[in-house]
Amino acid sequence: MARPAPPPPASRPGGGPAVLVLTGRLDRAGIPPLVERLRALLAERGGGTVLCDVGGLDGAPDVVLVDAIARLQLTARRHGGRIRLRGAGGALRELLALTGLGGLAGLGSEARGEAEQREEPLGVEEGVEPGDPAV
């Protein structure tokens, strides 16, 4: 039940966004303290973007990490900000995309417009019945 080690104070290189560093192995008990740290960062800065560095986490990404990212983004939005992930490996990106959260933390393209207006993903075509009129 190890929790991520407390990070150094939030860094703002060159006046850029604050950075929330996650290290170690994350468990469910470690999520509320992360949310509080993010809330404090956003209160100090009055909102804005916070980089959430996940490169130092141990182990394979799992649902606990996905839950933590979703809660962090929700907290950020409630306080006038957002998070962007830094150091996310391919496995985490795939897991977030699989759960529909790829665009949540700035990892993927978010839906633009209604479903009918978007292009079909590459390699997927809409089926047509032989008797349907051409559009």
C-alpha atoms as a PDB file:
ATOM      1  CA  MET A   1       0.000   0.000   0.000  1.00  0.00           C
ATOM      2  CA  ALA A   2       2.836   2.334  -0.806  1.00  0.00           C
ATOM      3  CA  ARG A   3       1.834   5.852  -1.732  1.00  0.00           C
ATOM      4  CA  PRO A   4       3.619   8.148  -4.137  1.00  0.00           C
ATOM      5  CA  ALA A   5       6.373  10.088  -2.430  1.00  0.00           C
ATOM      6  CA  PRO A   6       5.552  13.747  -1.911  1.00  0.00           C
ATOM      7  CA  PRO A   7       7.019  15.696  -4.796  1.00  0.00           C
ATOM      8  CA  PRO A   8       9.196  18.731  -4.475  1.00  0.00           C
ATOM      9  CA  PRO A   9       7.262  21.993  -4.460  1.00  0.00           C
ATOM     10  CA  ALA A  10       5.479  22.609  -7.730  1.00  0.00           C
ATOM     11  CA  SER A  11       7.913  23.851 -10.283  1.00  0.00           C
ATOM     12  CA  ARG A  12       7.115  26.505 -12.825  1.00  0.00           C
ATOM     13  CA  PRO A  13      10.007  26.565 -15.269  1.00  0.00           C
ATOM     14  CA  GLY A  14      10.107  29.941 -16.950  1.00  0.00           C
ATOM     15  CA  GLY A  15       6.705  30.911 -15.594  1.00  0.00           C
ATOM     16  CA  GLY A  16       5.102  27.901 -17.287  1.00  0.00           C
ATOM     17  CA  PRO A  17       2.500  25.601 -15.817  1.00  0.00           C
ATOM     18  CA  ALA A  18       2.878  24.039 -12.393  1.00  0.00           C
ATOM     19  CA  VAL A  19       3.990  20.407 -12.336  1.00  0.00           C
ATOM     20  CA  LEU A  20       2.442  17.682 -10.192  1.00  0.00           C
ATOM     21  CA  VAL A  21       4.899  14.763 -10.060  1.00  0.00           C
ATOM     22  CA  LEU A  22       3.632  11.243  -9.380  1.00  0.00           C
ATOM     23  CA  THR A  23       6.156   8.615  -8.311  1.00  0.00           C
ATOM     24  CA  GLY A  24       6.127   5.130  -6.844  1.00  0.00           C
ATOM     25  CA  ARG A  25       3.130   2.821  -6.876  1.00  0.00           C
ATOM     26  CA  LEU A  26      -0.311   4.419  -6.796  1.00  0.00           C
ATOM     27  CA  ASP A  27      -3.164   2.803  -4.877  1.00  0.00           C
ATOM     28  CA  ARG A  28      -6.706   3.993  -4.189  1.00  0.00           C
ATOM     29  CA  ALA A  29      -5.727   5.429  -0.802  1.00  0.00           C
ATOM     30  CA  GLY A  30      -3.198   7.659  -2.564  1.00  0.00           C
ATOM     31  CA  ILE A  31      -5.780   9.376  -4.789  1.00  0.00           C
ATOM     32  CA  PRO A  32      -7.351  11.819  -2.254  1.00  0.00           C
ATOM     33  CA  PRO A  33      -3.954  13.324  -1.282  1.00  0.00           C
ATOM     34  CA  LEU A  34      -3.162  13.843  -4.988  1.00  0.00           C
ATOM     35  CA  VAL A  35      -6.483  15.600  -5.478  1.00  0.00           C
ATOM     36  CA  GLU A  36      -5.731  17.855  -2.490  1.00  0.00           C
ATOM     37  CA  ARG A  37      -2.270  18.725  -3.838  1.00  0.00           C
ATOM     38  CA  LEU A  38      -3.797  19.612  -7.189  1.00  0.00           C
ATOM     39  CA  ARG A  39      -6.522  21.676  -5.535  1.00  0.00           C
ATOM     40  CA  ALA A  40      -3.859  23.612  -3.602  1.00  0.00           C
ATOM     41  CA  LEU A  41      -1.824  24.231  -6.777  1.00  0.00           C
ATOM     42  CA  LEU A  42      -4.866  25.516  -8.633  1.00  0.00           C
ATOM     43  CA  ALA A  43      -5.935  27.727  -5.732  1.00  0.00           C
ATOM     44  CA  GLU A  44      -2.431  29.211  -5.563  1.00  0.00           C
ATOM     45  CA  ARG A  45      -2.390  29.907  -9.299  1.00  0.00           C
ATOM     46  CA  GLY A  46      -6.039  30.789  -9.816  1.00  0.00           C
ATOM     47  CA  GLY A  47      -6.587  27.945 -12.295  1.00  0.00           C
ATOM     48  CA  GLY A  48      -4.627  27.253 -15.445  1.00  0.00           C
ATOM     49  CA  THR A  49      -2.857  24.163 -16.684  1.00  0.00           C
ATOM     50  CA  VAL A  50      -1.015  21.763 -14.399  1.00  0.00           C
ATOM     51  CA  LEU A  51       1.364  19.235 -15.943  1.00  0.00           C
ATOM     52  CA  CYS A  52       0.871  15.866 -14.292  1.00  0.00           C
ATOM     53  CA  ASP A  53       4.149  13.972 -14.667  1.00  0.00           C
ATOM     54  CA  VAL A  54       3.375  10.246 -14.560  1.00  0.00           C
ATOM     55  CA  GLY A  55       6.761   9.078 -15.836  1.00  0.00           C
ATOM     56  CA  GLY A  56       7.970   8.118 -12.350  1.00  0.00           C
ATOM     57  CA  LEU A  57       5.144   5.719 -11.518  1.00  0.00           C
ATOM     58  CA  ASP A  58       6.052   2.076 -10.929  1.00  0.00           C
ATOM     59  CA  GLY A  59       4.296  -0.846 -12.540  1.00  0.00           C
ATOM     60  CA  ALA A  60       1.935  -1.163 -15.447  1.00  0.00           C
ATOM     61  CA  PRO A  61      -0.902   1.335 -15.768  1.00  0.00           C
ATOM     62  CA  ASP A  62      -4.154   0.071 -14.282  1.00  0.00           C
ATOM     63  CA  VAL A  63      -7.682   1.192 -13.436  1.00  0.00           C
ATOM     64  CA  VAL A  64      -6.446   2.911 -10.278  1.00  0.00           C
ATOM     65  CA  LEU A  65      -4.262   5.209 -12.372  1.00  0.00           C
ATOM     66  CA  VAL A  66      -7.121   5.830 -14.819  1.00  0.00           C
ATOM     67  CA  ASP A  67      -9.379   6.675 -11.858  1.00  0.00           C
ATOM     68  CA  ALA A  68      -6.750   9.042 -10.460  1.00  0.00           C
ATOM     69  CA  ILE A  69      -6.339  10.833 -13.801  1.00  0.00           C
ATOM     70  CA  ALA A  70     -10.104  11.200 -14.212  1.00  0.00           C
ATOM     71  CA  ARG A  71     -10.469  12.598 -10.677  1.00  0.00           C
ATOM     72  CA  LEU A  72      -7.557  14.989 -11.168  1.00  0.00           C
ATOM     73  CA  GLN A  73      -9.031  16.319 -14.400  1.00  0.00           C
ATOM     74  CA  LEU A  74     -12.475  16.703 -12.801  1.00  0.00           C
ATOM     75  CA  THR A  75     -10.945  18.588  -9.872  1.00  0.00           C
ATOM     76  CA  ALA A  76      -8.961  20.805 -12.225  1.00  0.00           C
ATOM     77  CA  ARG A  77     -12.055  21.692 -14.234  1.00  0.00           C
ATOM     78  CA  ARG A  78     -14.014  22.482 -11.083  1.00  0.00           C
ATOM     79  CA  HIS A  79     -11.272  24.930 -10.100  1.00  0.00           C
ATOM     80  CA  GLY A  80     -10.884  26.648 -13.453  1.00  0.00           C
ATOM     81  CA  GLY A  81      -7.981  24.604 -14.768  1.00  0.00           C
ATOM     82  CA  ARG A  82      -7.006  21.408 -16.499  1.00  0.00           C
ATOM     83  CA  ILE A  83      -4.277  18.806 -16.380  1.00  0.00           C
ATOM     84  CA  ARG A  84      -2.016  17.632 -19.168  1.00  0.00           C
ATOM     85  CA  LEU A  85      -0.111  14.391 -18.813  1.00  0.00           C
ATOM     86  CA  ARG A  86       3.636  14.282 -19.230  1.00  0.00           C
ATOM     87  CA  GLY A  87       5.688  11.099 -19.399  1.00  0.00           C
ATOM     88  CA  ALA A  88       2.730   8.877 -20.297  1.00  0.00           C
ATOM     89  CA  GLY A  89       3.935   5.703 -21.965  1.00  0.00           C
ATOM     90  CA  GLY A  90       2.221   3.831 -24.747  1.00  0.00           C
ATOM     91  CA  ALA A  91       0.442   1.431 -22.388  1.00  0.00           C
ATOM     92  CA  LEU A  92      -1.156   4.292 -20.448  1.00  0.00           C
ATOM     93  CA  ARG A  93      -2.139   6.081 -23.647  1.00  0.00           C
ATOM     94  CA  GLU A  94      -3.764   2.898 -24.952  1.00  0.00           C
ATOM     95  CA  LEU A  95      -5.592   2.288 -21.673  1.00  0.00           C
ATOM     96  CA  LEU A  96      -6.931   5.848 -21.611  1.00  0.00           C
ATOM     97  CA  ALA A  97      -8.020   5.556 -25.245  1.00  0.00           C
ATOM     98  CA  LEU A  98      -9.685   2.204 -24.535  1.00  0.00           C
ATOM     99  CA  THR A  99     -11.662   3.712 -21.662  1.00  0.00           C
ATOM    100  CA  GLY A 100     -12.651   6.736 -23.744  1.00  0.00           C
ATOM    101  CA  LEU A 101     -10.476   9.099 -21.733  1.00  0.00           C
ATOM    102  CA  GLY A 102      -7.722   9.686 -24.287  1.00  0.00           C
ATOM    103  CA  GLY A 103      -8.726  13.305 -24.826  1.00  0.00           C
ATOM    104  CA  LEU A 104      -9.392  13.897 -21.145  1.00  0.00           C
ATOM    105  CA  ALA A 105      -5.870  14.797 -20.189  1.00  0.00           C
ATOM    106  CA  GLY A 106      -4.572  16.122 -23.462  1.00  0.00           C
ATOM    107  CA  LEU A 107      -3.421  12.824 -24.920  1.00  0.00           C
ATOM    108  CA  GLY A 108      -5.652  12.436 -27.921  1.00  0.00           C
ATOM    109  CA  SER A 109      -7.927  14.303 -30.199  1.00  0.00           C
ATOM    110  CA  GLU A 110     -11.221  15.113 -28.618  1.00  0.00           C
ATOM    111  CA  ALA A 111     -14.424  14.703 -30.560  1.00  0.00           C
ATOM    112  CA  ARG A 112     -15.177  17.703 -32.706  1.00  0.00           C
ATOM    113  CA  GLY A 113     -18.881  17.956 -33.458  1.00  0.00           C
ATOM    114  CA  GLU A 114     -21.637  15.374 -33.401  1.00  0.00           C
ATOM    115  CA  ALA A 115     -21.008  11.725 -34.194  1.00  0.00           C
ATOM    116  CA  GLU A 116     -22.681  12.113 -37.585  1.00  0.00           C
ATOM    117  CA  GLN A 117     -20.264  14.907 -38.489  1.00  0.00           C
ATOM    118  CA  ARG A 118     -17.038  13.091 -37.695  1.00  0.00           C
ATOM    119  CA  GLU A 119     -15.048  11.014 -40.119  1.00  0.00           C
ATOM    120  CA  GLU A 120     -15.113   7.274 -39.635  1.00  0.00           C
ATOM    121  CA  PRO A 121     -11.869   5.902 -38.147  1.00  0.00           C
ATOM    122  CA  LEU A 122      -9.405   4.674 -40.743  1.00  0.00           C
ATOM    123  CA  GLY A 123     -10.171   1.166 -41.899  1.00  0.00           C
ATOM    124  CA  VAL A 124     -13.809   1.372 -40.774  1.00  0.00           C
ATOM    125  CA  GLU A 125     -16.494   2.062 -43.310  1.00  0.00           C
ATOM    126  CA  GLU A 126     -20.207   2.442 -42.875  1.00  0.00           C
ATOM    127  CA  GLY A 127     -22.103  -0.559 -44.229  1.00  0.00           C
ATOM    128  CA  VAL A 128     -24.573  -0.060 -47.073  1.00  0.00           C
ATOM    129  CA  GLU A 129     -27.420  -2.316 -48.126  1.00  0.00           C
ATOM    130  CA  PRO A 130     -27.498  -3.233 -51.844  1.00  0.00           C
ATOM    131  CA  GLY A 131     -30.875  -1.534 -52.452  1.00  0.00           C
ATOM    132  CA  ASP A 132     -30.040   1.752 -50.671  1.00  0.00           C
ATOM    133  CA  PRO A 133     -30.004   4.864 -52.867  1.00  0.00           C
ATOM    134  CA  ALA A 134     -26.695   6.655 -53.372  1.00  0.00           C
ATOM    135  CA  VAL A 135     -26.172   9.698 -51.158  1.00  0.00           C
END
